[in-house]
Amino acid sequence: MIKFTTAILKFGLQGEKTGWSYIKVSNAVAQTLFPDNKKSFRVKEKLDEFSFKGVALLPIGEGVFIMALNATMRKGIGKQKGAKVNVQLAIDKTPYLLNKTLIVCLED
């Protein structure tokens, strides 16, 4: 598990990411979690005392990743843009399961 403190950021006008709240995950942290990886991967653990799992780290270039903070996560930590947050990350190896209804629709 990796621990660090960072600020919550928010995209301005940025295409589909406009308005997203997120944190940056440095190249050094990403390489410690998943060496030699440059693609999206899932993580788990905590933001402050709020636990989460199955959240994607998205590459933005030069080995840096972002983790989007959805409304549930923001409410769970009670923080917005500019606030500092204590982060604990570990790889989430739980397989991603597609919604059963979606699978039935695709099979049809």
PDB file of N, CA and C in Angstrom:
ATOM      1  N   MET A   1       0.843  -1.179   0.000  1.00  0.00           N
ATOM      2  CA  MET A   1       0.000   0.000   0.000  1.00  0.00           C
ATOM      3  C   MET A   1       0.890   1.245   0.000  1.00  0.00           C
ATOM      4  N   ILE A   2       0.466   2.238  -0.748  1.00  0.00           N
ATOM      5  CA  ILE A   2       1.176   3.515  -0.861  1.00  0.00           C
ATOM      6  C   ILE A   2       0.361   4.588  -0.148  1.00  0.00           C
ATOM      7  N   LYS A   3       1.031   5.466   0.592  1.00  0.00           N
ATOM      8  CA  LYS A   3       0.357   6.577   1.276  1.00  0.00           C
ATOM      9  C   LYS A   3       0.983   7.891   0.839  1.00  0.00           C
ATOM     10  N   PHE A   4       0.138   8.897   0.584  1.00  0.00           N
ATOM     11  CA  PHE A   4       0.615  10.245   0.265  1.00  0.00           C
ATOM     12  C   PHE A   4      -0.511  11.239   0.493  1.00  0.00           C
ATOM     13  N   THR A   5      -0.166  12.512   0.535  1.00  0.00           N
ATOM     14  CA  THR A   5      -1.141  13.592   0.672  1.00  0.00           C
ATOM     15  C   THR A   5      -1.068  14.442  -0.578  1.00  0.00           C
ATOM     16  N   THR A   6      -2.225  14.841  -1.082  1.00  0.00           N
ATOM     17  CA  THR A   6      -2.285  15.652  -2.292  1.00  0.00           C
ATOM     18  C   THR A   6      -3.508  16.556  -2.244  1.00  0.00           C
ATOM     19  N   ALA A   7      -3.571  17.486  -3.181  1.00  0.00           N
ATOM     20  CA  ALA A   7      -4.703  18.408  -3.274  1.00  0.00           C
ATOM     21  C   ALA A   7      -5.733  17.881  -4.274  1.00  0.00           C
ATOM     22  N   ILE A   8      -6.986  18.159  -3.999  1.00  0.00           N
ATOM     23  CA  ILE A   8      -8.056  17.847  -4.940  1.00  0.00           C
ATOM     24  C   ILE A   8      -8.043  18.915  -6.029  1.00  0.00           C
ATOM     25  N   LEU A   9      -8.061  18.467  -7.263  1.00  0.00           N
ATOM     26  CA  LEU A   9      -8.047  19.358  -8.420  1.00  0.00           C
ATOM     27  C   LEU A   9      -9.379  19.239  -9.153  1.00  0.00           C
ATOM     28  N   LYS A  10      -9.636  20.173 -10.073  1.00  0.00           N
ATOM     29  CA  LYS A  10     -10.872  20.127 -10.850  1.00  0.00           C
ATOM     30  C   LYS A  10     -10.588  20.627 -12.251  1.00  0.00           C
ATOM     31  N   PHE A  11     -11.021  19.858 -13.257  1.00  0.00           N
ATOM     32  CA  PHE A  11     -10.846  20.289 -14.637  1.00  0.00           C
ATOM     33  C   PHE A  11     -11.772  21.454 -14.942  1.00  0.00           C
ATOM     34  N   GLY A  12     -11.239  22.434 -15.654  1.00  0.00           N
ATOM     35  CA  GLY A  12     -12.064  23.511 -16.184  1.00  0.00           C
ATOM     36  C   GLY A  12     -12.692  22.998 -17.464  1.00  0.00           C
ATOM     37  N   LEU A  13     -12.591  23.761 -18.524  1.00  0.00           N
ATOM     38  CA  LEU A  13     -13.102  23.355 -19.826  1.00  0.00           C
ATOM     39  C   LEU A  13     -12.134  22.343 -20.427  1.00  0.00           C
ATOM     40  N   GLN A  14     -12.517  21.061 -20.421  1.00  0.00           N
ATOM     41  CA  GLN A  14     -11.612  19.978 -20.817  1.00  0.00           C
ATOM     42  C   GLN A  14     -12.386  18.859 -21.510  1.00  0.00           C
ATOM     43  N   GLY A  15     -13.195  19.198 -22.500  1.00  0.00           N
ATOM     44  CA  GLY A  15     -13.951  18.176 -23.222  1.00  0.00           C
ATOM     45  C   GLY A  15     -14.824  17.366 -22.291  1.00  0.00           C
ATOM     46  N   GLU A  16     -14.778  16.031 -22.428  1.00  0.00           N
ATOM     47  CA  GLU A  16     -15.620  15.161 -21.611  1.00  0.00           C
ATOM     48  C   GLU A  16     -15.262  15.195 -20.132  1.00  0.00           C
ATOM     49  N   LYS A  17     -14.074  15.680 -19.799  1.00  0.00           N
ATOM     50  CA  LYS A  17     -13.651  15.737 -18.393  1.00  0.00           C
ATOM     51  C   LYS A  17     -14.028  17.067 -17.717  1.00  0.00           C
ATOM     52  N   THR A  18     -14.684  17.968 -18.426  1.00  0.00           N
ATOM     53  CA  THR A  18     -15.058  19.264 -17.875  1.00  0.00           C
ATOM     54  C   THR A  18     -15.801  19.094 -16.551  1.00  0.00           C
ATOM     55  N   GLY A  19     -15.293  19.760 -15.509  1.00  0.00           N
ATOM     56  CA  GLY A  19     -15.932  19.733 -14.202  1.00  0.00           C
ATOM     57  C   GLY A  19     -15.558  18.569 -13.311  1.00  0.00           C
ATOM     58  N   TRP A  20     -14.766  17.602 -13.815  1.00  0.00           N
ATOM     59  CA  TRP A  20     -14.376  16.475 -12.977  1.00  0.00           C
ATOM     60  C   TRP A  20     -13.490  16.932 -11.826  1.00  0.00           C
ATOM     61  N   SER A  21     -13.750  16.424 -10.626  1.00  0.00           N
ATOM     62  CA  SER A  21     -12.819  16.555  -9.506  1.00  0.00           C
ATOM     63  C   SER A  21     -11.929  15.324  -9.541  1.00  0.00           C
ATOM     64  N   TYR A  22     -10.646  15.505  -9.224  1.00  0.00           N
ATOM     65  CA  TYR A  22      -9.708  14.390  -9.327  1.00  0.00           C
ATOM     66  C   TYR A  22      -8.475  14.656  -8.480  1.00  0.00           C
ATOM     67  N   ILE A  23      -7.678  13.611  -8.314  1.00  0.00           N
ATOM     68  CA  ILE A  23      -6.353  13.763  -7.728  1.00  0.00           C
ATOM     69  C   ILE A  23      -5.347  13.231  -8.738  1.00  0.00           C
ATOM     70  N   LYS A  24      -4.136  13.762  -8.687  1.00  0.00           N
ATOM     71  CA  LYS A  24      -3.055  13.252  -9.530  1.00  0.00           C
ATOM     72  C   LYS A  24      -2.284  12.195  -8.760  1.00  0.00           C
ATOM     73  N   VAL A  25      -1.877  11.165  -9.499  1.00  0.00           N
ATOM     74  CA  VAL A  25      -1.032  10.109  -8.947  1.00  0.00           C
ATOM     75  C   VAL A  25       0.267  10.154  -9.747  1.00  0.00           C
ATOM     76  N   SER A  26       1.340  10.493  -9.075  1.00  0.00           N
ATOM     77  CA  SER A  26       2.629  10.693  -9.750  1.00  0.00           C
ATOM     78  C   SER A  26       3.139   9.426 -10.415  1.00  0.00           C
ATOM     79  N   ASN A  27       4.058   9.619 -11.328  1.00  0.00           N
ATOM     80  CA  ASN A  27       4.719   8.498 -12.001  1.00  0.00           C
ATOM     81  C   ASN A  27       5.370   7.575 -10.966  1.00  0.00           C
ATOM     82  N   ALA A  28       6.029   8.147  -9.985  1.00  0.00           N
ATOM     83  CA  ALA A  28       6.718   7.332  -8.965  1.00  0.00           C
ATOM     84  C   ALA A  28       5.731   6.445  -8.207  1.00  0.00           C
ATOM     85  N   VAL A  29       4.592   7.000  -7.822  1.00  0.00           N
ATOM     86  CA  VAL A  29       3.581   6.218  -7.099  1.00  0.00           C
ATOM     87  C   VAL A  29       3.000   5.144  -8.008  1.00  0.00           C
ATOM     88  N   ALA A  30       2.638   5.528  -9.235  1.00  0.00           N
ATOM     89  CA  ALA A  30       2.060   4.565 -10.186  1.00  0.00           C
ATOM     90  C   ALA A  30       3.032   3.419 -10.468  1.00  0.00           C
ATOM     91  N   GLN A  31       4.316   3.741 -10.614  1.00  0.00           N
ATOM     92  CA  GLN A  31       5.317   2.705 -10.893  1.00  0.00           C
ATOM     93  C   GLN A  31       5.515   1.783  -9.697  1.00  0.00           C
ATOM     94  N   THR A  32       5.353   2.302  -8.501  1.00  0.00           N
ATOM     95  CA  THR A  32       5.448   1.462  -7.302  1.00  0.00           C
ATOM     96  C   THR A  32       4.253   0.509  -7.235  1.00  0.00           C
ATOM     97  N   LEU A  33       3.062   1.030  -7.571  1.00  0.00           N
ATOM     98  CA  LEU A  33       1.864   0.197  -7.545  1.00  0.00           C
ATOM     99  C   LEU A  33       1.864  -0.855  -8.647  1.00  0.00           C
ATOM    100  N   PHE A  34       2.219  -0.428  -9.869  1.00  0.00           N
ATOM    101  CA  PHE A  34       2.103  -1.305 -11.043  1.00  0.00           C
ATOM    102  C   PHE A  34       3.268  -0.996 -11.982  1.00  0.00           C
ATOM    103  N   PRO A  35       4.457  -1.563 -11.712  1.00  0.00           N
ATOM    104  CA  PRO A  35       5.664  -1.258 -12.488  1.00  0.00           C
ATOM    105  C   PRO A  35       5.490  -1.482 -13.998  1.00  0.00           C
ATOM    106  N   ASP A  36       6.057  -0.573 -14.766  1.00  0.00           N
ATOM    107  CA  ASP A  36       6.080  -0.628 -16.232  1.00  0.00           C
ATOM    108  C   ASP A  36       4.700  -0.606 -16.882  1.00  0.00           C
ATOM    109  N   ASN A  37       3.687  -0.163 -16.177  1.00  0.00           N
ATOM    110  CA  ASN A  37       2.343  -0.082 -16.734  1.00  0.00           C
ATOM    111  C   ASN A  37       2.046   1.346 -17.190  1.00  0.00           C
ATOM    112  N   LYS A  38       1.443   1.478 -18.350  1.00  0.00           N
ATOM    113  CA  LYS A  38       1.060   2.797 -18.854  1.00  0.00           C
ATOM    114  C   LYS A  38      -0.425   2.869 -19.167  1.00  0.00           C
ATOM    115  N   LYS A  39      -1.162   1.804 -18.825  1.00  0.00           N
ATOM    116  CA  LYS A  39      -2.594   1.739 -19.104  1.00  0.00           C
ATOM    117  C   LYS A  39      -3.379   1.897 -17.808  1.00  0.00           C
ATOM    118  N   SER A  40      -4.653   2.181 -17.957  1.00  0.00           N
ATOM    119  CA  SER A  40      -5.558   2.305 -16.823  1.00  0.00           C
ATOM    120  C   SER A  40      -5.548   1.026 -15.985  1.00  0.00           C
ATOM    121  N   PHE A  41      -5.660   1.191 -14.664  1.00  0.00           N
ATOM    122  CA  PHE A  41      -5.791   0.039 -13.771  1.00  0.00           C
ATOM    123  C   PHE A  41      -6.595   0.441 -12.555  1.00  0.00           C
ATOM    124  N   ARG A  42      -7.125  -0.549 -11.852  1.00  0.00           N
ATOM    125  CA  ARG A  42      -8.024  -0.290 -10.720  1.00  0.00           C
ATOM    126  C   ARG A  42      -7.284  -0.367  -9.386  1.00  0.00           C
ATOM    127  N   VAL A  43      -7.733   0.530  -8.468  1.00  0.00           N
ATOM    128  CA  VAL A  43      -7.144   0.598  -7.137  1.00  0.00           C
ATOM    129  C   VAL A  43      -8.248   0.576  -6.076  1.00  0.00           C
ATOM    130  N   LYS A  44      -7.826   0.380  -4.841  1.00  0.00           N
ATOM    131  CA  LYS A  44      -8.724   0.394  -3.687  1.00  0.00           C
ATOM    132  C   LYS A  44      -8.000   1.050  -2.522  1.00  0.00           C
ATOM    133  N   GLU A  45      -8.662   1.224  -1.422  1.00  0.00           N
ATOM    134  CA  GLU A  45      -8.191   1.632  -0.102  1.00  0.00           C
ATOM    135  C   GLU A  45      -8.952   2.840   0.423  1.00  0.00           C
ATOM    136  N   LYS A  46      -8.251   3.989   0.703  1.00  0.00           N
ATOM    137  CA  LYS A  46      -8.922   5.084   1.411  1.00  0.00           C
ATOM    138  C   LYS A  46      -8.517   6.472   0.910  1.00  0.00           C
ATOM    139  N   LEU A  47      -9.476   7.387   1.003  1.00  0.00           N
ATOM    140  CA  LEU A  47      -9.247   8.827   0.915  1.00  0.00           C
ATOM    141  C   LEU A  47      -9.630   9.334   2.297  1.00  0.00           C
ATOM    142  N   ASP A  48      -8.686   9.893   3.036  1.00  0.00           N
ATOM    143  CA  ASP A  48      -8.893  10.187   4.457  1.00  0.00           C
ATOM    144  C   ASP A  48      -9.409   8.901   5.105  1.00  0.00           C
ATOM    145  N   GLU A  49     -10.618   8.893   5.673  1.00  0.00           N
ATOM    146  CA  GLU A  49     -11.168   7.686   6.292  1.00  0.00           C
ATOM    147  C   GLU A  49     -12.253   7.034   5.434  1.00  0.00           C
ATOM    148  N   PHE A  50     -12.459   7.543   4.217  1.00  0.00           N
ATOM    149  CA  PHE A  50     -13.471   6.999   3.315  1.00  0.00           C
ATOM    150  C   PHE A  50     -12.883   5.862   2.482  1.00  0.00           C
ATOM    151  N   SER A  51     -13.428   4.651   2.634  1.00  0.00           N
ATOM    152  CA  SER A  51     -12.938   3.484   1.898  1.00  0.00           C
ATOM    153  C   SER A  51     -13.599   3.391   0.528  1.00  0.00           C
ATOM    154  N   PHE A  52     -12.830   2.914  -0.451  1.00  0.00           N
ATOM    155  CA  PHE A  52     -13.358   2.701  -1.797  1.00  0.00           C
ATOM    156  C   PHE A  52     -12.656   1.493  -2.406  1.00  0.00           C
ATOM    157  N   LYS A  53     -13.226   0.995  -3.504  1.00  0.00           N
ATOM    158  CA  LYS A  53     -12.597  -0.101  -4.238  1.00  0.00           C
ATOM    159  C   LYS A  53     -13.030  -0.011  -5.695  1.00  0.00           C
ATOM    160  N   GLY A  54     -12.236  -0.638  -6.574  1.00  0.00           N
ATOM    161  CA  GLY A  54     -12.590  -0.705  -7.980  1.00  0.00           C
ATOM    162  C   GLY A  54     -12.571   0.609  -8.720  1.00  0.00           C
ATOM    163  N   VAL A  55     -11.759   1.556  -8.275  1.00  0.00           N
ATOM    164  CA  VAL A  55     -11.686   2.867  -8.922  1.00  0.00           C
ATOM    165  C   VAL A  55     -10.500   2.884  -9.884  1.00  0.00           C
ATOM    166  N   ALA A  56     -10.732   3.381 -11.091  1.00  0.00           N
ATOM    167  CA  ALA A  56      -9.695   3.378 -12.120  1.00  0.00           C
ATOM    168  C   ALA A  56      -8.730   4.546 -11.974  1.00  0.00           C
ATOM    169  N   LEU A  57      -7.454   4.253 -12.158  1.00  0.00           N
ATOM    170  CA  LEU A  57      -6.454   5.297 -12.366  1.00  0.00           C
ATOM    171  C   LEU A  57      -6.313   5.423 -13.876  1.00  0.00           C
ATOM    172  N   LEU A  58      -6.418   6.650 -14.375  1.00  0.00           N
ATOM    173  CA  LEU A  58      -6.395   6.916 -15.814  1.00  0.00           C
ATOM    174  C   LEU A  58      -5.107   7.622 -16.198  1.00  0.00           C
ATOM    175  N   PRO A  59      -4.394   7.111 -17.205  1.00  0.00           N
ATOM    176  CA  PRO A  59      -3.133   7.747 -17.611  1.00  0.00           C
ATOM    177  C   PRO A  59      -3.395   9.079 -18.315  1.00  0.00           C
ATOM    178  N   ILE A  60      -2.546  10.080 -18.003  1.00  0.00           N
ATOM    179  CA  ILE A  60      -2.671  11.378 -18.678  1.00  0.00           C
ATOM    180  C   ILE A  60      -1.371  11.769 -19.376  1.00  0.00           C
ATOM    181  N   GLY A  61      -0.398  10.880 -19.348  1.00  0.00           N
ATOM    182  CA  GLY A  61       0.856  11.137 -20.044  1.00  0.00           C
ATOM    183  C   GLY A  61       2.042  11.200 -19.111  1.00  0.00           C
ATOM    184  N   GLU A  62       3.205  10.826 -19.652  1.00  0.00           N
ATOM    185  CA  GLU A  62       4.476  10.859 -18.946  1.00  0.00           C
ATOM    186  C   GLU A  62       4.453  10.082 -17.637  1.00  0.00           C
ATOM    187  N   GLY A  63       3.639   9.007 -17.603  1.00  0.00           N
ATOM    188  CA  GLY A  63       3.594   8.145 -16.429  1.00  0.00           C
ATOM    189  C   GLY A  63       2.706   8.638 -15.308  1.00  0.00           C
ATOM    190  N   VAL A  64       2.088   9.807 -15.489  1.00  0.00           N
ATOM    191  CA  VAL A  64       1.197  10.376 -14.472  1.00  0.00           C
ATOM    192  C   VAL A  64      -0.217   9.867 -14.715  1.00  0.00           C
ATOM    193  N   PHE A  65      -0.935   9.597 -13.634  1.00  0.00           N
ATOM    194  CA  PHE A  65      -2.318   9.128 -13.700  1.00  0.00           C
ATOM    195  C   PHE A  65      -3.208  10.085 -12.916  1.00  0.00           C
ATOM    196  N   ILE A  66      -4.513  10.014 -13.182  1.00  0.00           N
ATOM    197  CA  ILE A  66      -5.485  10.719 -12.349  1.00  0.00           C
ATOM    198  C   ILE A  66      -6.491   9.717 -11.816  1.00  0.00           C
ATOM    199  N   MET A  67      -7.087  10.069 -10.689  1.00  0.00           N
ATOM    200  CA  MET A  67      -8.191   9.301 -10.145  1.00  0.00           C
ATOM    201  C   MET A  67      -9.353  10.256  -9.981  1.00  0.00           C
ATOM    202  N   ALA A  68     -10.413  10.033 -10.767  1.00  0.00           N
ATOM    203  CA  ALA A  68     -11.602  10.880 -10.675  1.00  0.00           C
ATOM    204  C   ALA A  68     -12.293  10.628  -9.335  1.00  0.00           C
ATOM    205  N   LEU A  69     -12.812  11.713  -8.747  1.00  0.00           N
ATOM    206  CA  LEU A  69     -13.529  11.612  -7.479  1.00  0.00           C
ATOM    207  C   LEU A  69     -15.005  11.848  -7.758  1.00  0.00           C
ATOM    208  N   ASN A  70     -15.796  10.788  -7.688  1.00  0.00           N
ATOM    209  CA  ASN A  70     -17.224  10.943  -7.949  1.00  0.00           C
ATOM    210  C   ASN A  70     -17.918  11.599  -6.749  1.00  0.00           C
ATOM    211  N   ALA A  71     -19.210  11.885  -6.897  1.00  0.00           N
ATOM    212  CA  ALA A  71     -19.956  12.583  -5.848  1.00  0.00           C
ATOM    213  C   ALA A  71     -19.949  11.817  -4.531  1.00  0.00           C
ATOM    214  N   THR A  72     -20.061  10.494  -4.593  1.00  0.00           N
ATOM    215  CA  THR A  72     -20.054   9.679  -3.374  1.00  0.00           C
ATOM    216  C   THR A  72     -18.728   9.830  -2.640  1.00  0.00           C
ATOM    217  N   MET A  73     -17.636   9.822  -3.389  1.00  0.00           N
ATOM    218  CA  MET A  73     -16.317   9.970  -2.772  1.00  0.00           C
ATOM    219  C   MET A  73     -16.163  11.366  -2.164  1.00  0.00           C
ATOM    220  N   ARG A  74     -16.575  12.398  -2.900  1.00  0.00           N
ATOM    221  CA  ARG A  74     -16.454  13.773  -2.388  1.00  0.00           C
ATOM    222  C   ARG A  74     -17.288  13.968  -1.129  1.00  0.00           C
ATOM    223  N   LYS A  75     -18.496  13.420  -1.118  1.00  0.00           N
ATOM    224  CA  LYS A  75     -19.347  13.508   0.072  1.00  0.00           C
ATOM    225  C   LYS A  75     -18.736  12.714   1.219  1.00  0.00           C
ATOM    226  N   GLY A  76     -18.149  11.556   0.900  1.00  0.00           N
ATOM    227  CA  GLY A  76     -17.537  10.708   1.925  1.00  0.00           C
ATOM    228  C   GLY A  76     -16.376  11.372   2.645  1.00  0.00           C
ATOM    229  N   ILE A  77     -15.627  12.200   1.918  1.00  0.00           N
ATOM    230  CA  ILE A  77     -14.502  12.890   2.556  1.00  0.00           C
ATOM    231  C   ILE A  77     -14.865  14.317   2.954  1.00  0.00           C
ATOM    232  N   GLY A  78     -15.986  14.815   2.448  1.00  0.00           N
ATOM    233  CA  GLY A  78     -16.439  16.162   2.800  1.00  0.00           C
ATOM    234  C   GLY A  78     -15.511  17.258   2.308  1.00  0.00           C
ATOM    235  N   LYS A  79     -14.894  17.045   1.147  1.00  0.00           N
ATOM    236  CA  LYS A  79     -13.924  18.021   0.631  1.00  0.00           C
ATOM    237  C   LYS A  79     -14.163  18.303  -0.849  1.00  0.00           C
ATOM    238  N   GLN A  80     -13.706  19.459  -1.276  1.00  0.00           N
ATOM    239  CA  GLN A  80     -13.832  19.893  -2.665  1.00  0.00           C
ATOM    240  C   GLN A  80     -12.481  20.377  -3.180  1.00  0.00           C
ATOM    241  N   LYS A  81     -12.484  20.969  -4.354  1.00  0.00           N
ATOM    242  CA  LYS A  81     -11.285  21.494  -5.016  1.00  0.00           C
ATOM    243  C   LYS A  81     -10.424  22.321  -4.061  1.00  0.00           C
ATOM    244  N   GLY A  82      -9.132  22.051  -4.094  1.00  0.00           N
ATOM    245  CA  GLY A  82      -8.163  22.797  -3.304  1.00  0.00           C
ATOM    246  C   GLY A  82      -7.851  22.195  -1.947  1.00  0.00           C
ATOM    247  N   ALA A  83      -8.736  21.352  -1.434  1.00  0.00           N
ATOM    248  CA  ALA A  83      -8.522  20.737  -0.118  1.00  0.00           C
ATOM    249  C   ALA A  83      -7.465  19.636  -0.224  1.00  0.00           C
ATOM    250  N   LYS A  84      -6.735  19.441   0.844  1.00  0.00           N
ATOM    251  CA  LYS A  84      -5.759  18.348   0.924  1.00  0.00           C
ATOM    252  C   LYS A  84      -6.471  17.075   1.372  1.00  0.00           C
ATOM    253  N   VAL A  85      -6.035  15.957   0.817  1.00  0.00           N
ATOM    254  CA  VAL A  85      -6.616  14.670   1.163  1.00  0.00           C
ATOM    255  C   VAL A  85      -5.486  13.661   1.374  1.00  0.00           C
ATOM    256  N   ASN A  86      -5.636  12.833   2.408  1.00  0.00           N
ATOM    257  CA  ASN A  86      -4.686  11.747   2.673  1.00  0.00           C
ATOM    258  C   ASN A  86      -5.130  10.536   1.861  1.00  0.00           C
ATOM    259  N   VAL A  87      -4.219  10.020   1.059  1.00  0.00           N
ATOM    260  CA  VAL A  87      -4.535   8.951   0.112  1.00  0.00           C
ATOM    261  C   VAL A  87      -3.784   7.681   0.493  1.00  0.00           C
ATOM    262  N   GLN A  88      -4.490   6.561   0.466  1.00  0.00           N
ATOM    263  CA  GLN A  88      -3.890   5.239   0.604  1.00  0.00           C
ATOM    264  C   GLN A  88      -4.345   4.436  -0.607  1.00  0.00           C
ATOM    265  N   LEU A  89      -3.399   3.899  -1.367  1.00  0.00           N
ATOM    266  CA  LEU A  89      -3.734   3.152  -2.581  1.00  0.00           C
ATOM    267  C   LEU A  89      -3.069   1.786  -2.593  1.00  0.00           C
ATOM    268  N   ALA A  90      -3.802   0.825  -3.129  1.00  0.00           N
ATOM    269  CA  ALA A  90      -3.282  -0.517  -3.390  1.00  0.00           C
ATOM    270  C   ALA A  90      -3.980  -1.007  -4.652  1.00  0.00           C
ATOM    271  N   ILE A  91      -3.340  -1.906  -5.367  1.00  0.00           N
ATOM    272  CA  ILE A  91      -3.945  -2.497  -6.565  1.00  0.00           C
ATOM    273  C   ILE A  91      -5.204  -3.259  -6.148  1.00  0.00           C
ATOM    274  N   ASP A  92      -6.272  -3.093  -6.904  1.00  0.00           N
ATOM    275  CA  ASP A  92      -7.495  -3.864  -6.680  1.00  0.00           C
ATOM    276  C   ASP A  92      -7.538  -4.965  -7.734  1.00  0.00           C
ATOM    277  N   LYS A  93      -7.261  -6.181  -7.315  1.00  0.00           N
ATOM    278  CA  LYS A  93      -7.202  -7.318  -8.233  1.00  0.00           C
ATOM    279  C   LYS A  93      -8.546  -8.021  -8.390  1.00  0.00           C
ATOM    280  N   THR A  94      -9.588  -7.475  -7.782  1.00  0.00           N
ATOM    281  CA  THR A  94     -10.916  -8.051  -7.926  1.00  0.00           C
ATOM    282  C   THR A  94     -11.333  -7.954  -9.389  1.00  0.00           C
ATOM    283  N   PRO A  95     -11.735  -9.069  -9.994  1.00  0.00           N
ATOM    284  CA  PRO A  95     -12.129  -9.003 -11.404  1.00  0.00           C
ATOM    285  C   PRO A  95     -13.348  -8.112 -11.584  1.00  0.00           C
ATOM    286  N   TYR A  96     -13.361  -7.369 -12.674  1.00  0.00           N
ATOM    287  CA  TYR A  96     -14.493  -6.496 -12.975  1.00  0.00           C
ATOM    288  C   TYR A  96     -15.612  -7.356 -13.551  1.00  0.00           C
ATOM    289  N   LEU A  97     -16.799  -7.272 -12.962  1.00  0.00           N
ATOM    290  CA  LEU A  97     -17.932  -8.065 -13.410  1.00  0.00           C
ATOM    291  C   LEU A  97     -18.930  -7.167 -14.129  1.00  0.00           C
ATOM    292  N   LEU A  98     -19.281  -7.561 -15.326  1.00  0.00           N
ATOM    293  CA  LEU A  98     -20.292  -6.820 -16.074  1.00  0.00           C
ATOM    294  C   LEU A  98     -21.664  -7.085 -15.472  1.00  0.00           C
ATOM    295  N   ASN A  99     -22.545  -6.124 -15.589  1.00  0.00           N
ATOM    296  CA  ASN A  99     -23.914  -6.236 -15.138  1.00  0.00           C
ATOM    297  C   ASN A  99     -24.589  -7.398 -15.875  1.00  0.00           C
ATOM    298  N   LYS A 100     -25.272  -8.287 -15.135  1.00  0.00           N
ATOM    299  CA  LYS A 100     -25.893  -9.471 -15.741  1.00  0.00           C
ATOM    300  C   LYS A 100     -26.923  -9.099 -16.796  1.00  0.00           C
ATOM    301  N   THR A 101     -27.664  -8.020 -16.565  1.00  0.00           N
ATOM    302  CA  THR A 101     -28.672  -7.587 -17.525  1.00  0.00           C
ATOM    303  C   THR A 101     -28.001  -7.166 -18.832  1.00  0.00           C
ATOM    304  N   LEU A 102     -26.856  -6.485 -18.742  1.00  0.00           N
ATOM    305  CA  LEU A 102     -26.123  -6.093 -19.935  1.00  0.00           C
ATOM    306  C   LEU A 102     -25.660  -7.323 -20.708  1.00  0.00           C
ATOM    307  N   ILE A 103     -25.158  -8.317 -20.007  1.00  0.00           N
ATOM    308  CA  ILE A 103     -24.696  -9.543 -20.670  1.00  0.00           C
ATOM    309  C   ILE A 103     -25.847 -10.219 -21.409  1.00  0.00           C
ATOM    310  N   VAL A 104     -27.020 -10.294 -20.777  1.00  0.00           N
ATOM    311  CA  VAL A 104     -28.193 -10.898 -21.426  1.00  0.00           C
ATOM    312  C   VAL A 104     -28.550 -10.113 -22.687  1.00  0.00           C
ATOM    313  N   CYS A 105     -28.520  -8.797 -22.606  1.00  0.00           N
ATOM    314  CA  CYS A 105     -28.830  -7.955 -23.773  1.00  0.00           C
ATOM    315  C   CYS A 105     -27.826  -8.182 -24.887  1.00  0.00           C
ATOM    316  N   LEU A 106     -26.552  -8.279 -24.551  1.00  0.00           N
ATOM    317  CA  LEU A 106     -25.525  -8.501 -25.561  1.00  0.00           C
ATOM    318  C   LEU A 106     -25.657  -9.876 -26.210  1.00  0.00           C
ATOM    319  N   GLU A 107     -26.044 -10.865 -25.412  1.00  0.00           N
ATOM    320  CA  GLU A 107     -26.235 -12.200 -25.960  1.00  0.00           C
ATOM    321  C   GLU A 107     -27.434 -12.279 -26.888  1.00  0.00           C
ATOM    322  N   ASP A 108     -28.413 -11.406 -26.652  1.00  0.00           N
ATOM    323  CA  ASP A 108     -29.618 -11.366 -27.477  1.00  0.00           C
ATOM    324  C   ASP A 108     -29.268 -10.759 -28.807  1.00  0.00           C
TER     325      ASP A 108
END
